[in-house]
Amino acid sequence: MDITALSFYAIICGVLSLAAPRFGGAWIRFGLGALVGILAALFLPIIKQSLGY
């Protein structure tokens, strides 16, 4: 696996897990997690390109 992708998603998931209990019920957390995952997947290529990968 690409170390850049692995590190990026680890950071995103780690930050989300710190805030998750404050978001409410399971379905709300699931939806927010899916949204964050989609946004992370959309921004990763932009970040990699700006870093020269």
Protein backbone atom coordinates (compact mmCIF):
# COMPACT_ATOMS: atom_id res chain seq x y z
CA MET A 1 0.00 0.00 0.00
CA ASP A 2 1.09 3.54 -0.71
CA ILE A 3 2.59 5.01 2.49
CA THR A 4 1.17 8.46 1.67
CA ALA A 5 -2.40 7.13 1.43
CA LEU A 6 -1.97 5.01 4.54
CA SER A 7 -0.68 7.95 6.58
CA PHE A 8 -3.33 10.33 5.25
CA TYR A 9 -6.25 8.03 6.06
CA ALA A 10 -4.75 7.16 9.45
CA ILE A 11 -4.64 10.86 10.37
CA ILE A 12 -8.17 11.49 9.09
CA CYS A 13 -9.61 8.48 10.92
CA GLY A 14 -7.70 9.29 14.10
CA VAL A 15 -9.03 12.85 14.22
CA LEU A 16 -12.56 11.67 13.46
CA SER A 17 -12.41 9.06 16.22
CA LEU A 18 -11.51 11.75 18.77
CA ALA A 19 -14.63 13.75 17.94
CA ALA A 20 -17.05 10.87 17.18
CA PRO A 21 -18.71 10.42 20.59
CA ARG A 22 -19.88 14.03 20.49
CA PHE A 23 -21.77 13.56 17.22
CA GLY A 24 -24.71 11.62 18.63
CA GLY A 25 -26.23 8.34 17.50
CA ALA A 26 -24.69 5.55 15.47
CA TRP A 27 -26.34 6.53 12.18
CA ILE A 28 -25.16 10.13 12.46
CA ARG A 29 -21.59 8.97 13.19
CA PHE A 30 -21.79 6.51 10.28
CA GLY A 31 -22.97 9.22 7.90
CA LEU A 32 -20.32 11.67 9.05
CA GLY A 33 -17.65 8.98 8.76
CA ALA A 34 -18.77 8.18 5.21
CA LEU A 35 -18.76 11.87 4.31
CA VAL A 36 -15.28 12.38 5.75
CA GLY A 37 -14.05 9.30 3.89
CA ILE A 38 -15.43 10.60 0.60
CA LEU A 39 -13.90 14.03 1.14
CA ALA A 40 -10.56 12.49 2.12
CA ALA A 41 -10.57 10.34 -1.02
CA LEU A 42 -11.32 13.41 -3.14
CA PHE A 43 -8.58 15.54 -1.59
CA LEU A 44 -5.81 12.92 -1.44
CA PRO A 45 -4.89 13.20 -5.15
CA ILE A 46 -4.72 16.98 -4.83
CA ILE A 47 -2.46 16.74 -1.80
CA LYS A 48 -0.24 14.12 -3.45
CA GLN A 49 0.10 16.27 -6.57
CA SER A 50 1.04 19.33 -4.52
CA LEU A 51 3.71 17.26 -2.73
CA GLY A 52 5.09 16.01 -6.04
CA TYR A 53 4.08 12.33 -5.79
